[in-house]
Amino acid sequence: ASKANQVVFDQSWTYLTGASNAPVVTEPFEIGGTHPQGVRAELFAGVENGWLGVDLDLVRVDTQATETASLEVGFYTGYDDGPWQEGRRDADLVVPSVAPGRYRLVVEPEGQPGVSEVTYRVRLVRDVMVWSNVWLGLLLLLAYPAYRWLREHAFERGRWSASDFSPFTPVSEWVESDDD
């Protein structure tokens, strides 16, 4: 059962410093599928020595239920003892468990003062992998074998503790002594 990774929304705007940059409300679009799924929100912005952030509200048309996300990008370059660059022009995050249905996106941009004009793009991709679930499942699967190994190790250490031929180093030998 592979993930669809289907683009359900992709649109660009221009942020202008000094303009009102009022929130943008998009036309309705469809998030398909048969079950709640992860939706990745992606921001791409042509920032140069500045930053741009967007607050996104994913609003379901019929119920007005809202999922909120914030993304920010910043990219800086310069020359000190040589050329350098820092940051990225793209960012993304996954909103888990978004139900199929018709949605609108409310986009509220905010940019660094002094940055005159920046073109930015927001894209939504449905049915993406939610990696936190994978890592949590793996952790749960490994918990019992780790517990069993620790218990077995403690048992064997105790069983061999009185033997002159113990394969375990006694705790007293872990600390260096000055008896030389």
Protein backbone atom coordinates (compact mmCIF):
# COMPACT_ATOMS: atom_id res chain seq x y z
CA ALA A 1 0.00 0.00 0.00
CA SER A 2 2.11 2.87 -1.26
CA LYS A 3 1.22 6.50 -0.70
CA ALA A 4 -0.39 8.54 -3.49
CA ASN A 5 1.67 11.75 -2.98
CA GLN A 6 -0.89 13.61 -5.10
CA VAL A 7 -0.63 17.40 -5.51
CA VAL A 8 -4.06 18.85 -4.64
CA PHE A 9 -3.17 22.57 -4.56
CA ASP A 10 -0.39 24.63 -6.15
CA GLN A 11 -0.53 28.43 -6.46
CA SER A 12 1.84 31.42 -6.43
CA TRP A 13 1.49 35.00 -5.18
CA THR A 14 3.68 38.07 -4.78
CA TYR A 15 4.39 39.63 -1.39
CA LEU A 16 4.88 43.41 -1.57
CA THR A 17 6.38 45.34 1.34
CA GLY A 18 4.23 48.32 2.20
CA ALA A 19 1.11 46.84 0.58
CA SER A 20 -1.70 45.49 2.72
CA ASN A 21 -0.86 41.83 1.92
CA ALA A 22 -4.29 40.85 3.16
CA PRO A 23 -4.96 37.14 3.71
CA VAL A 24 -5.69 35.26 0.49
CA VAL A 25 -8.71 32.94 0.47
CA THR A 26 -8.49 30.39 -2.33
CA GLU A 27 -11.19 28.77 -4.39
CA PRO A 28 -12.34 25.38 -3.05
CA PHE A 29 -10.27 22.35 -4.01
CA GLU A 30 -10.68 18.64 -3.36
CA ILE A 31 -8.59 16.45 -1.09
CA GLY A 32 -9.49 12.98 -2.30
CA GLY A 33 -9.11 9.60 -0.73
CA THR A 34 -11.19 7.30 1.43
CA HIS A 35 -9.63 7.88 4.86
CA PRO A 36 -7.86 10.57 6.90
CA GLN A 37 -4.33 11.04 5.57
CA GLY A 38 -1.20 13.11 5.95
CA VAL A 39 -1.10 16.34 3.92
CA ARG A 40 2.28 18.01 3.32
CA ALA A 41 2.27 21.81 3.06
CA GLU A 42 5.21 23.21 1.08
CA LEU A 43 6.42 26.82 0.80
CA PHE A 44 8.84 28.01 -1.88
CA ALA A 45 9.92 31.67 -1.87
CA GLY A 46 12.49 33.62 -3.88
CA VAL A 47 13.90 35.39 -0.83
CA GLU A 48 17.36 36.92 -1.01
CA ASN A 49 18.92 38.20 2.23
CA GLY A 50 15.56 38.11 3.94
CA TRP A 51 12.74 35.92 5.18
CA LEU A 52 9.11 35.23 4.41
CA GLY A 53 6.61 33.38 6.56
CA VAL A 54 3.06 32.23 5.91
CA ASP A 55 0.29 31.15 8.22
CA LEU A 56 -1.95 28.60 6.52
CA ASP A 57 -5.49 27.71 7.53
CA LEU A 58 -6.90 24.64 5.80
CA VAL A 59 -10.67 25.14 6.17
CA ARG A 60 -13.13 22.37 5.33
CA VAL A 61 -15.95 23.93 3.29
CA ASP A 62 -18.90 22.00 4.78
CA THR A 63 -17.96 21.97 8.49
CA GLN A 64 -15.57 24.96 8.75
CA ALA A 65 -13.16 22.67 10.66
CA THR A 66 -9.71 24.24 10.46
CA GLU A 67 -6.17 22.86 10.51
CA THR A 68 -3.49 25.52 11.05
CA ALA A 69 0.17 25.46 10.00
CA SER A 70 2.98 28.01 9.85
CA LEU A 71 5.96 27.89 7.50
CA GLU A 72 8.93 30.23 7.22
CA VAL A 73 11.90 30.44 4.88
CA GLY A 74 14.99 32.62 5.05
CA PHE A 75 17.99 32.79 2.78
CA TYR A 76 21.09 34.95 3.27
CA THR A 77 24.35 35.31 1.37
CA GLY A 78 27.43 37.45 1.81
CA TYR A 79 31.16 37.69 1.69
CA ASP A 80 33.44 37.91 4.75
CA ASP A 81 36.64 35.90 4.47
CA GLY A 82 35.01 34.20 1.51
CA PRO A 83 31.53 33.68 0.14
CA TRP A 84 28.93 32.19 2.47
CA GLN A 85 25.26 31.35 2.43
CA GLU A 86 22.77 30.36 5.08
CA GLY A 87 19.18 29.12 5.16
CA ARG A 88 16.80 27.77 2.58
CA ARG A 89 14.21 29.02 0.12
CA ASP A 90 11.83 26.14 0.81
CA ALA A 91 10.14 24.61 3.84
CA ASP A 92 7.52 21.96 4.46
CA LEU A 93 5.60 20.24 7.21
CA VAL A 94 3.07 17.43 7.44
CA VAL A 95 -0.42 17.90 8.84
CA PRO A 96 -1.48 14.40 9.93
CA SER A 97 -4.98 12.97 9.66
CA VAL A 98 -6.74 15.33 7.23
CA ALA A 99 -10.12 13.92 6.18
CA PRO A 100 -11.07 13.79 2.49
CA GLY A 101 -13.35 16.60 1.33
CA ARG A 102 -13.57 20.09 -0.17
CA TYR A 103 -11.28 22.71 1.37
CA ARG A 104 -10.26 26.34 1.06
CA LEU A 105 -6.84 27.62 2.01
CA VAL A 106 -6.40 30.92 3.85
CA VAL A 107 -2.85 32.22 3.32
CA GLU A 108 -1.49 35.06 5.50
CA PRO A 109 2.01 36.14 4.40
CA GLU A 110 4.47 38.13 6.48
CA GLY A 111 7.86 39.29 5.25
CA GLN A 112 10.98 40.95 6.54
CA PRO A 113 10.70 44.74 6.56
CA GLY A 114 12.82 46.18 3.79
CA VAL A 115 12.33 43.26 1.41
CA SER A 116 10.49 44.95 -1.45
CA GLU A 117 8.94 42.11 -3.46
CA VAL A 118 9.00 38.32 -3.11
CA THR A 119 7.21 35.72 -5.21
CA TYR A 120 6.13 32.73 -3.15
CA ARG A 121 4.34 29.48 -3.87
CA VAL A 122 2.28 27.19 -1.64
CA ARG A 123 1.66 23.58 -2.57
CA LEU A 124 -0.33 20.88 -0.78
CA VAL A 125 0.34 17.18 -1.35
CA ARG A 126 -2.13 14.60 -0.02
CA ASP A 127 -1.58 11.04 1.22
CA VAL A 128 2.05 11.43 2.33
CA MET A 129 3.97 9.27 4.77
CA VAL A 130 3.77 10.40 8.40
CA TRP A 131 7.22 9.29 9.57
CA SER A 132 6.53 9.87 13.26
CA ASN A 133 4.12 6.92 13.13
CA VAL A 134 6.82 4.69 11.63
CA TRP A 135 9.38 5.59 14.30
CA LEU A 136 6.84 5.16 17.10
CA GLY A 137 5.87 1.73 15.77
CA LEU A 138 9.51 0.70 15.48
CA LEU A 139 10.18 1.86 19.04
CA LEU A 140 7.22 -0.16 20.31
CA LEU A 141 8.37 -3.25 18.40
CA LEU A 142 11.88 -3.01 19.89
CA ALA A 143 10.78 -2.35 23.48
CA TYR A 144 10.01 -5.99 24.39
CA PRO A 145 13.22 -7.50 22.90
CA ALA A 146 15.26 -4.82 24.72
CA TYR A 147 13.50 -5.63 28.00
CA ARG A 148 14.13 -9.37 27.52
CA TRP A 149 17.84 -8.79 26.75
CA LEU A 150 18.29 -6.66 29.86
CA ARG A 151 16.55 -9.25 32.06
CA GLU A 152 18.63 -12.11 30.60
CA HIS A 153 21.85 -10.12 31.01
CA ALA A 154 21.01 -9.34 34.65
CA PHE A 155 20.19 -13.00 35.31
CA GLU A 156 23.45 -14.29 33.78
CA ARG A 157 25.50 -11.67 35.62
CA GLY A 158 23.93 -12.75 38.91
CA ARG A 159 24.41 -16.44 38.12
CA TRP A 160 28.13 -15.99 37.39
CA SER A 161 28.81 -13.48 40.18
CA ALA A 162 30.30 -15.98 42.66
CA SER A 163 32.40 -17.85 40.07
CA ASP A 164 36.15 -17.42 39.65
CA PHE A 165 35.62 -17.96 35.92
CA SER A 166 32.97 -15.31 35.38
CA PRO A 167 32.91 -13.81 31.86
CA PHE A 168 31.72 -10.56 33.43
CA THR A 169 34.11 -7.95 34.82
CA PRO A 170 33.41 -7.34 38.53
CA VAL A 171 32.20 -3.85 39.32
CA SER A 172 35.20 -3.36 41.65
CA GLU A 173 37.54 -3.56 38.64
CA TRP A 174 35.71 -0.78 36.79
CA VAL A 175 37.32 1.85 39.02
CA GLU A 176 41.06 2.44 38.78
CA SER A 177 42.91 2.11 42.07
CA ASP A 178 46.13 3.72 43.28
CA ASP A 179 47.43 0.51 44.92
CA ASP A 180 50.32 0.16 42.47
